[in-house]
Amino acid sequence: MDSITISVLIALVGCFVGLAGWLSKRDGKIAGDAEWRGGVNAKLDVIVGIKSDVAQLSTTVQGHGERLTAVEASAKQAHLRLDRIEGSERR
């Protein structure tokens, strides 16, 4: 009976050691996955920030394009007026 009791105790200790090892590996894997996800989330935040910056730049460039068109039209009108003034002075 003593050898059976010792065998059962050894089996139980082995079971607990195996279970502790499995739990330790599982916790390490969860921590590694959490670190990886944190890195991915940080990269995604950077990408989203860049996308937002590009959208703002696009809006700014569009506004500059509209202002440039207005300046070109104004310069064209000024040149026409100058040409008329020069034409009247030549006579």
PDB file of N, CA and C in Angstrom:
ATOM      1  N   MET A   1       0.818  -1.186   0.000  1.00  0.00           N
ATOM      2  CA  MET A   1       0.000   0.000   0.000  1.00  0.00           C
ATOM      3  C   MET A   1       0.869   1.260   0.000  1.00  0.00           C
ATOM      4  N   ASP A   2       2.009   1.189   0.599  1.00  0.00           N
ATOM      5  CA  ASP A   2       2.900   2.335   0.647  1.00  0.00           C
ATOM      6  C   ASP A   2       3.417   2.701  -0.730  1.00  0.00           C
ATOM      7  N   SER A   3       3.704   1.718  -1.560  1.00  0.00           N
ATOM      8  CA  SER A   3       4.228   2.016  -2.893  1.00  0.00           C
ATOM      9  C   SER A   3       3.140   2.643  -3.772  1.00  0.00           C
ATOM     10  N   ILE A   4       1.916   2.266  -3.564  1.00  0.00           N
ATOM     11  CA  ILE A   4       0.812   2.859  -4.322  1.00  0.00           C
ATOM     12  C   ILE A   4       0.608   4.311  -3.887  1.00  0.00           C
ATOM     13  N   THR A   5       0.694   4.581  -2.627  1.00  0.00           N
ATOM     14  CA  THR A   5       0.529   5.932  -2.106  1.00  0.00           C
ATOM     15  C   THR A   5       1.651   6.828  -2.617  1.00  0.00           C
ATOM     16  N   ILE A   6       2.876   6.324  -2.605  1.00  0.00           N
ATOM     17  CA  ILE A   6       4.007   7.102  -3.109  1.00  0.00           C
ATOM     18  C   ILE A   6       3.836   7.351  -4.606  1.00  0.00           C
ATOM     19  N   SER A   7       3.384   6.348  -5.345  1.00  0.00           N
ATOM     20  CA  SER A   7       3.172   6.492  -6.790  1.00  0.00           C
ATOM     21  C   SER A   7       2.102   7.536  -7.082  1.00  0.00           C
ATOM     22  N   VAL A   8       1.040   7.511  -6.307  1.00  0.00           N
ATOM     23  CA  VAL A   8      -0.032   8.481  -6.488  1.00  0.00           C
ATOM     24  C   VAL A   8       0.481   9.889  -6.162  1.00  0.00           C
ATOM     25  N   LEU A   9       1.259  10.040  -5.099  1.00  0.00           N
ATOM     26  CA  LEU A   9       1.821  11.330  -4.741  1.00  0.00           C
ATOM     27  C   LEU A   9       2.765  11.837  -5.833  1.00  0.00           C
ATOM     28  N   ILE A  10       3.598  10.978  -6.365  1.00  0.00           N
ATOM     29  CA  ILE A  10       4.514  11.363  -7.443  1.00  0.00           C
ATOM     30  C   ILE A  10       3.714  11.773  -8.676  1.00  0.00           C
ATOM     31  N   ALA A  11       2.660  11.047  -8.992  1.00  0.00           N
ATOM     32  CA  ALA A  11       1.816  11.371 -10.147  1.00  0.00           C
ATOM     33  C   ALA A  11       1.138  12.726  -9.954  1.00  0.00           C
ATOM     34  N   LEU A  12       0.644  12.991  -8.741  1.00  0.00           N
ATOM     35  CA  LEU A  12      -0.005  14.269  -8.457  1.00  0.00           C
ATOM     36  C   LEU A  12       0.999  15.425  -8.536  1.00  0.00           C
ATOM     37  N   VAL A  13       2.202  15.229  -7.989  1.00  0.00           N
ATOM     38  CA  VAL A  13       3.230  16.270  -8.060  1.00  0.00           C
ATOM     39  C   VAL A  13       3.589  16.530  -9.519  1.00  0.00           C
ATOM     40  N   GLY A  14       3.744  15.467 -10.292  1.00  0.00           N
ATOM     41  CA  GLY A  14       4.048  15.604 -11.722  1.00  0.00           C
ATOM     42  C   GLY A  14       2.937  16.360 -12.454  1.00  0.00           C
ATOM     43  N   CYS A  15       1.710  16.075 -12.091  1.00  0.00           N
ATOM     44  CA  CYS A  15       0.561  16.744 -12.701  1.00  0.00           C
ATOM     45  C   CYS A  15       0.583  18.239 -12.372  1.00  0.00           C
ATOM     46  N   PHE A  16       0.861  18.578 -11.118  1.00  0.00           N
ATOM     47  CA  PHE A  16       0.914  19.986 -10.729  1.00  0.00           C
ATOM     48  C   PHE A  16       2.088  20.716 -11.372  1.00  0.00           C
ATOM     49  N   VAL A  17       3.215  20.054 -11.486  1.00  0.00           N
ATOM     50  CA  VAL A  17       4.374  20.660 -12.148  1.00  0.00           C
ATOM     51  C   VAL A  17       4.051  20.923 -13.621  1.00  0.00           C
ATOM     52  N   GLY A  18       3.432  19.942 -14.262  1.00  0.00           N
ATOM     53  CA  GLY A  18       3.032  20.111 -15.663  1.00  0.00           C
ATOM     54  C   GLY A  18       2.024  21.232 -15.828  1.00  0.00           C
ATOM     55  N   LEU A  19       1.055  21.288 -14.938  1.00  0.00           N
ATOM     56  CA  LEU A  19       0.044  22.335 -14.977  1.00  0.00           C
ATOM     57  C   LEU A  19       0.673  23.719 -14.742  1.00  0.00           C
ATOM     58  N   ALA A  20       1.598  23.817 -13.807  1.00  0.00           N
ATOM     59  CA  ALA A  20       2.275  25.093 -13.533  1.00  0.00           C
ATOM     60  C   ALA A  20       3.088  25.529 -14.755  1.00  0.00           C
ATOM     61  N   GLY A  21       3.769  24.609 -15.405  1.00  0.00           N
ATOM     62  CA  GLY A  21       4.527  24.932 -16.617  1.00  0.00           C
ATOM     63  C   GLY A  21       3.612  25.403 -17.726  1.00  0.00           C
ATOM     64  N   TRP A  22       2.486  24.736 -17.892  1.00  0.00           N
ATOM     65  CA  TRP A  22       1.534  25.124 -18.941  1.00  0.00           C
ATOM     66  C   TRP A  22       0.980  26.523 -18.680  1.00  0.00           C
ATOM     67  N   LEU A  23       0.602  26.789 -17.419  1.00  0.00           N
ATOM     68  CA  LEU A  23       0.079  28.109 -17.067  1.00  0.00           C
ATOM     69  C   LEU A  23       1.135  29.195 -17.265  1.00  0.00           C
ATOM     70  N   SER A  24       2.381  28.895 -16.915  1.00  0.00           N
ATOM     71  CA  SER A  24       3.459  29.872 -17.078  1.00  0.00           C
ATOM     72  C   SER A  24       3.674  30.195 -18.555  1.00  0.00           C
ATOM     73  N   LYS A  25       3.685  29.194 -19.390  1.00  0.00           N
ATOM     74  CA  LYS A  25       3.851  29.424 -20.837  1.00  0.00           C
ATOM     75  C   LYS A  25       2.663  30.201 -21.397  1.00  0.00           C
ATOM     76  N   ARG A  26       1.476  29.862 -20.942  1.00  0.00           N
ATOM     77  CA  ARG A  26       0.277  30.554 -21.421  1.00  0.00           C
ATOM     78  C   ARG A  26       0.323  32.032 -21.059  1.00  0.00           C
ATOM     79  N   ASP A  27       0.719  32.342 -19.828  1.00  0.00           N
ATOM     80  CA  ASP A  27       0.822  33.742 -19.407  1.00  0.00           C
ATOM     81  C   ASP A  27       1.886  34.482 -20.210  1.00  0.00           C
ATOM     82  N   GLY A  28       3.005  33.814 -20.483  1.00  0.00           N
ATOM     83  CA  GLY A  28       4.051  34.427 -21.307  1.00  0.00           C
ATOM     84  C   GLY A  28       3.569  34.693 -22.712  1.00  0.00           C
ATOM     85  N   LYS A  29       2.822  33.753 -23.257  1.00  0.00           N
ATOM     86  CA  LYS A  29       2.284  33.931 -24.611  1.00  0.00           C
ATOM     87  C   LYS A  29       1.273  35.075 -24.636  1.00  0.00           C
ATOM     88  N   ILE A  30       0.428  35.162 -23.633  1.00  0.00           N
ATOM     89  CA  ILE A  30      -0.563  36.252 -23.565  1.00  0.00           C
ATOM     90  C   ILE A  30       0.148  37.590 -23.466  1.00  0.00           C
ATOM     91  N   ALA A  31       1.207  37.662 -22.649  1.00  0.00           N
ATOM     92  CA  ALA A  31       1.959  38.915 -22.510  1.00  0.00           C
ATOM     93  C   ALA A  31       2.621  39.278 -23.838  1.00  0.00           C
ATOM     94  N   GLY A  32       3.185  38.280 -24.529  1.00  0.00           N
ATOM     95  CA  GLY A  32       3.802  38.531 -25.835  1.00  0.00           C
ATOM     96  C   GLY A  32       2.779  39.004 -26.848  1.00  0.00           C
ATOM     97  N   ASP A  33       1.610  38.406 -26.850  1.00  0.00           N
ATOM     98  CA  ASP A  33       0.542  38.821 -27.763  1.00  0.00           C
ATOM     99  C   ASP A  33       0.081  40.244 -27.451  1.00  0.00           C
ATOM    100  N   ALA A  34      -0.014  40.565 -26.174  1.00  0.00           N
ATOM    101  CA  ALA A  34      -0.437  41.918 -25.792  1.00  0.00           C
ATOM    102  C   ALA A  34       0.599  42.940 -26.243  1.00  0.00           C
ATOM    103  N   GLU A  35       1.887  42.608 -26.099  1.00  0.00           N
ATOM    104  CA  GLU A  35       2.942  43.527 -26.545  1.00  0.00           C
ATOM    105  C   GLU A  35       2.882  43.712 -28.054  1.00  0.00           C
ATOM    106  N   TRP A  36       2.668  42.618 -28.780  1.00  0.00           N
ATOM    107  CA  TRP A  36       2.569  42.685 -30.239  1.00  0.00           C
ATOM    108  C   TRP A  36       1.377  43.535 -30.657  1.00  0.00           C
ATOM    109  N   ARG A  37       0.240  43.315 -30.007  1.00  0.00           N
ATOM    110  CA  ARG A  37      -0.954  44.103 -30.332  1.00  0.00           C
ATOM    111  C   ARG A  37      -0.747  45.577 -30.032  1.00  0.00           C
ATOM    112  N   GLY A  38      -0.054  45.868 -28.943  1.00  0.00           N
ATOM    113  CA  GLY A  38       0.235  47.260 -28.608  1.00  0.00           C
ATOM    114  C   GLY A  38       1.083  47.908 -29.695  1.00  0.00           C
ATOM    115  N   GLY A  39       2.072  47.169 -30.200  1.00  0.00           N
ATOM    116  CA  GLY A  39       2.903  47.690 -31.290  1.00  0.00           C
ATOM    117  C   GLY A  39       2.102  47.922 -32.552  1.00  0.00           C
ATOM    118  N   VAL A  40       1.242  46.987 -32.871  1.00  0.00           N
ATOM    119  CA  VAL A  40       0.405  47.125 -34.066  1.00  0.00           C
ATOM    120  C   VAL A  40      -0.552  48.309 -33.912  1.00  0.00           C
ATOM    121  N   ASN A  41      -1.143  48.450 -32.737  1.00  0.00           N
ATOM    122  CA  ASN A  41      -2.057  49.576 -32.508  1.00  0.00           C
ATOM    123  C   ASN A  41      -1.325  50.913 -32.613  1.00  0.00           C
ATOM    124  N   ALA A  42      -0.100  50.962 -32.108  1.00  0.00           N
ATOM    125  CA  ALA A  42       0.673  52.203 -32.205  1.00  0.00           C
ATOM    126  C   ALA A  42       0.958  52.533 -33.672  1.00  0.00           C
ATOM    127  N   LYS A  43       1.309  51.523 -34.451  1.00  0.00           N
ATOM    128  CA  LYS A  43       1.582  51.745 -35.872  1.00  0.00           C
ATOM    129  C   LYS A  43       0.318  52.190 -36.600  1.00  0.00           C
ATOM    130  N   LEU A  44      -0.808  51.602 -36.259  1.00  0.00           N
ATOM    131  CA  LEU A  44      -2.069  52.004 -36.880  1.00  0.00           C
ATOM    132  C   LEU A  44      -2.422  53.439 -36.528  1.00  0.00           C
ATOM    133  N   ASP A  45      -2.153  53.824 -35.279  1.00  0.00           N
ATOM    134  CA  ASP A  45      -2.408  55.217 -34.879  1.00  0.00           C
ATOM    135  C   ASP A  45      -1.555  56.178 -35.693  1.00  0.00           C
ATOM    136  N   VAL A  46      -0.301  55.780 -35.946  1.00  0.00           N
ATOM    137  CA  VAL A  46       0.581  56.627 -36.759  1.00  0.00           C
ATOM    138  C   VAL A  46       0.036  56.727 -38.177  1.00  0.00           C
ATOM    139  N   ILE A  47      -0.408  55.605 -38.729  1.00  0.00           N
ATOM    140  CA  ILE A  47      -0.942  55.598 -40.093  1.00  0.00           C
ATOM    141  C   ILE A  47      -2.190  56.472 -40.179  1.00  0.00           C
ATOM    142  N   VAL A  48      -3.065  56.356 -39.196  1.00  0.00           N
ATOM    143  CA  VAL A  48      -4.281  57.171 -39.191  1.00  0.00           C
ATOM    144  C   VAL A  48      -3.917  58.653 -39.070  1.00  0.00           C
ATOM    145  N   GLY A  49      -2.920  58.960 -38.250  1.00  0.00           N
ATOM    146  CA  GLY A  49      -2.468  60.340 -38.115  1.00  0.00           C
ATOM    147  C   GLY A  49      -1.908  60.874 -39.422  1.00  0.00           C
ATOM    148  N   ILE A  50      -1.132  60.042 -40.122  1.00  0.00           N
ATOM    149  CA  ILE A  50      -0.583  60.454 -41.417  1.00  0.00           C
ATOM    150  C   ILE A  50      -1.710  60.676 -42.413  1.00  0.00           C
ATOM    151  N   LYS A  51      -2.701  59.796 -42.393  1.00  0.00           N
ATOM    152  CA  LYS A  51      -3.833  59.953 -43.305  1.00  0.00           C
ATOM    153  C   LYS A  51      -4.557  61.267 -43.037  1.00  0.00           C
ATOM    154  N   SER A  52      -4.721  61.604 -41.774  1.00  0.00           N
ATOM    155  CA  SER A  52      -5.365  62.866 -41.412  1.00  0.00           C
ATOM    156  C   SER A  52      -4.529  64.055 -41.884  1.00  0.00           C
ATOM    157  N   ASP A  53      -3.203  63.961 -41.704  1.00  0.00           N
ATOM    158  CA  ASP A  53      -2.317  65.039 -42.154  1.00  0.00           C
ATOM    159  C   ASP A  53      -2.390  65.214 -43.663  1.00  0.00           C
ATOM    160  N   VAL A  54      -2.436  64.100 -44.395  1.00  0.00           N
ATOM    161  CA  VAL A  54      -2.530  64.172 -45.862  1.00  0.00           C
ATOM    162  C   VAL A  54      -3.845  64.813 -46.283  1.00  0.00           C
ATOM    163  N   ALA A  55      -4.918  64.492 -45.583  1.00  0.00           N
ATOM    164  CA  ALA A  55      -6.217  65.098 -45.903  1.00  0.00           C
ATOM    165  C   ALA A  55      -6.173  66.608 -45.661  1.00  0.00           C
ATOM    166  N   GLN A  56      -5.541  67.030 -44.575  1.00  0.00           N
ATOM    167  CA  GLN A  56      -5.424  68.459 -44.293  1.00  0.00           C
ATOM    168  C   GLN A  56      -4.572  69.151 -45.356  1.00  0.00           C
ATOM    169  N   LEU A  57      -3.470  68.514 -45.730  1.00  0.00           N
ATOM    170  CA  LEU A  57      -2.615  69.096 -46.765  1.00  0.00           C
ATOM    171  C   LEU A  57      -3.354  69.203 -48.090  1.00  0.00           C
ATOM    172  N   SER A  58      -4.144  68.194 -48.409  1.00  0.00           N
ATOM    173  CA  SER A  58      -4.922  68.221 -49.651  1.00  0.00           C
ATOM    174  C   SER A  58      -5.893  69.397 -49.647  1.00  0.00           C
ATOM    175  N   THR A  59      -6.548  69.625 -48.521  1.00  0.00           N
ATOM    176  CA  THR A  59      -7.472  70.749 -48.403  1.00  0.00           C
ATOM    177  C   THR A  59      -6.723  72.076 -48.544  1.00  0.00           C
ATOM    178  N   THR A  60      -5.560  72.168 -47.918  1.00  0.00           N
ATOM    179  CA  THR A  60      -4.754  73.390 -47.995  1.00  0.00           C
ATOM    180  C   THR A  60      -4.304  73.653 -49.426  1.00  0.00           C
ATOM    181  N   VAL A  61      -3.833  72.607 -50.103  1.00  0.00           N
ATOM    182  CA  VAL A  61      -3.379  72.766 -51.490  1.00  0.00           C
ATOM    183  C   VAL A  61      -4.543  73.175 -52.383  1.00  0.00           C
ATOM    184  N   GLN A  62      -5.711  72.601 -52.154  1.00  0.00           N
ATOM    185  CA  GLN A  62      -6.882  72.978 -52.934  1.00  0.00           C
ATOM    186  C   GLN A  62      -7.207  74.450 -52.715  1.00  0.00           C
ATOM    187  N   GLY A  63      -7.131  74.916 -51.477  1.00  0.00           N
ATOM    188  CA  GLY A  63      -7.390  76.330 -51.179  1.00  0.00           C
ATOM    189  C   GLY A  63      -6.363  77.227 -51.847  1.00  0.00           C
ATOM    190  N   HIS A  64      -5.107  76.799 -51.839  1.00  0.00           N
ATOM    191  CA  HIS A  64      -4.075  77.592 -52.513  1.00  0.00           C
ATOM    192  C   HIS A  64      -4.311  77.638 -54.013  1.00  0.00           C
ATOM    193  N   GLY A  65      -4.765  76.532 -54.580  1.00  0.00           N
ATOM    194  CA  GLY A  65      -5.071  76.501 -56.011  1.00  0.00           C
ATOM    195  C   GLY A  65      -6.162  77.492 -56.368  1.00  0.00           C
ATOM    196  N   GLU A  66      -7.184  77.557 -55.542  1.00  0.00           N
ATOM    197  CA  GLU A  66      -8.272  78.508 -55.787  1.00  0.00           C
ATOM    198  C   GLU A  66      -7.776  79.945 -55.665  1.00  0.00           C
ATOM    199  N   ARG A  67      -6.935  80.201 -54.659  1.00  0.00           N
ATOM    200  CA  ARG A  67      -6.409  81.555 -54.485  1.00  0.00           C
ATOM    201  C   ARG A  67      -5.480  81.921 -55.639  1.00  0.00           C
ATOM    202  N   LEU A  68      -4.693  80.965 -56.118  1.00  0.00           N
ATOM    203  CA  LEU A  68      -3.786  81.217 -57.233  1.00  0.00           C
ATOM    204  C   LEU A  68      -4.575  81.565 -58.493  1.00  0.00           C
ATOM    205  N   THR A  69      -5.670  80.866 -58.716  1.00  0.00           N
ATOM    206  CA  THR A  69      -6.519  81.163 -59.871  1.00  0.00           C
ATOM    207  C   THR A  69      -7.064  82.583 -59.773  1.00  0.00           C
ATOM    208  N   ALA A  70      -7.472  82.994 -58.579  1.00  0.00           N
ATOM    209  CA  ALA A  70      -7.992  84.356 -58.388  1.00  0.00           C
ATOM    210  C   ALA A  70      -6.889  85.392 -58.630  1.00  0.00           C
ATOM    211  N   VAL A  71      -5.679  85.115 -58.148  1.00  0.00           N
ATOM    212  CA  VAL A  71      -4.565  86.045 -58.362  1.00  0.00           C
ATOM    213  C   VAL A  71      -4.227  86.143 -59.846  1.00  0.00           C
ATOM    214  N   GLU A  72      -4.237  85.023 -60.544  1.00  0.00           N
ATOM    215  CA  GLU A  72      -3.957  85.037 -61.990  1.00  0.00           C
ATOM    216  C   GLU A  72      -4.999  85.865 -62.735  1.00  0.00           C
ATOM    217  N   ALA A  73      -6.273  85.716 -62.379  1.00  0.00           N
ATOM    218  CA  ALA A  73      -7.330  86.495 -63.028  1.00  0.00           C
ATOM    219  C   ALA A  73      -7.153  87.986 -62.736  1.00  0.00           C
ATOM    220  N   SER A  74      -6.792  88.314 -61.508  1.00  0.00           N
ATOM    221  CA  SER A  74      -6.574  89.707 -61.143  1.00  0.00           C
ATOM    222  C   SER A  74      -5.376  90.279 -61.899  1.00  0.00           C
ATOM    223  N   ALA A  75      -4.299  89.499 -62.012  1.00  0.00           N
ATOM    224  CA  ALA A  75      -3.119  89.958 -62.754  1.00  0.00           C
ATOM    225  C   ALA A  75      -3.449  90.154 -64.224  1.00  0.00           C
ATOM    226  N   LYS A  76      -4.273  89.282 -64.765  1.00  0.00           N
ATOM    227  CA  LYS A  76      -4.676  89.420 -66.174  1.00  0.00           C
ATOM    228  C   LYS A  76      -5.449  90.729 -66.375  1.00  0.00           C
ATOM    229  N   GLN A  77      -6.360  91.027 -65.469  1.00  0.00           N
ATOM    230  CA  GLN A  77      -7.117  92.270 -65.559  1.00  0.00           C
ATOM    231  C   GLN A  77      -6.195  93.485 -65.417  1.00  0.00           C
ATOM    232  N   ALA A  78      -5.217  93.407 -64.533  1.00  0.00           N
ATOM    233  CA  ALA A  78      -4.276  94.513 -64.349  1.00  0.00           C
ATOM    234  C   ALA A  78      -3.460  94.728 -65.623  1.00  0.00           C
ATOM    235  N   HIS A  79      -3.034  93.649 -66.254  1.00  0.00           N
ATOM    236  CA  HIS A  79      -2.275  93.767 -67.496  1.00  0.00           C
ATOM    237  C   HIS A  79      -3.126  94.387 -68.603  1.00  0.00           C
ATOM    238  N   LEU A  80      -4.397  93.999 -68.656  1.00  0.00           N
ATOM    239  CA  LEU A  80      -5.281  94.591 -69.664  1.00  0.00           C
ATOM    240  C   LEU A  80      -5.425  96.106 -69.429  1.00  0.00           C
ATOM    241  N   ARG A  81      -5.580  96.495 -68.154  1.00  0.00           N
ATOM    242  CA  ARG A  81      -5.686  97.920 -67.845  1.00  0.00           C
ATOM    243  C   ARG A  81      -4.397  98.656 -68.181  1.00  0.00           C
ATOM    244  N   LEU A  82      -3.268  98.060 -67.879  1.00  0.00           N
ATOM    245  CA  LEU A  82      -1.984  98.681 -68.208  1.00  0.00           C
ATOM    246  C   LEU A  82      -1.808  98.826 -69.725  1.00  0.00           C
ATOM    247  N   ASP A  83      -2.226  97.793 -70.456  1.00  0.00           N
ATOM    248  CA  ASP A  83      -2.146  97.870 -71.919  1.00  0.00           C
ATOM    249  C   ASP A  83      -3.020  99.011 -72.440  1.00  0.00           C
ATOM    250  N   ARG A  84      -4.218  99.199 -71.850  1.00  0.00           N
ATOM    251  CA  ARG A  84      -5.082 100.295 -72.276  1.00  0.00           C
ATOM    252  C   ARG A  84      -4.477 101.656 -71.950  1.00  0.00           C
ATOM    253  N   ILE A  85      -3.857 101.744 -70.766  1.00  0.00           N
ATOM    254  CA  ILE A  85      -3.211 103.007 -70.383  1.00  0.00           C
ATOM    255  C   ILE A  85      -2.043 103.297 -71.333  1.00  0.00           C
ATOM    256  N   GLU A  86      -1.231 102.311 -71.626  1.00  0.00           N
ATOM    257  CA  GLU A  86      -0.114 102.502 -72.545  1.00  0.00           C
ATOM    258  C   GLU A  86      -0.619 102.870 -73.944  1.00  0.00           C
ATOM    259  N   GLY A  87      -1.718 102.271 -74.356  1.00  0.00           N
ATOM    260  CA  GLY A  87      -2.286 102.566 -75.679  1.00  0.00           C
ATOM    261  C   GLY A  87      -2.781 103.992 -75.756  1.00  0.00           C
ATOM    262  N   SER A  88      -3.378 104.504 -74.689  1.00  0.00           N
ATOM    263  CA  SER A  88      -3.892 105.877 -74.709  1.00  0.00           C
ATOM    264  C   SER A  88      -2.744 106.885 -74.629  1.00  0.00           C
ATOM    265  N   GLU A  89      -1.630 106.533 -74.006  1.00  0.00           N
ATOM    266  CA  GLU A  89      -0.491 107.444 -73.929  1.00  0.00           C
ATOM    267  C   GLU A  89       0.241 107.536 -75.254  1.00  0.00           C
ATOM    268  N   ARG A  90       0.205 106.502 -76.069  1.00  0.00           N
ATOM    269  CA  ARG A  90       0.904 106.497 -77.345  1.00  0.00           C
ATOM    270  C   ARG A  90       0.243 107.426 -78.349  1.00  0.00           C
ATOM    271  N   ARG A  91      -0.983 107.687 -78.214  1.00  0.00           N
ATOM    272  CA  ARG A  91      -1.715 108.508 -79.186  1.00  0.00           C
ATOM    273  C   ARG A  91      -1.428 109.937 -79.065  1.00  0.00           C
TER     274      ARG A  91
END
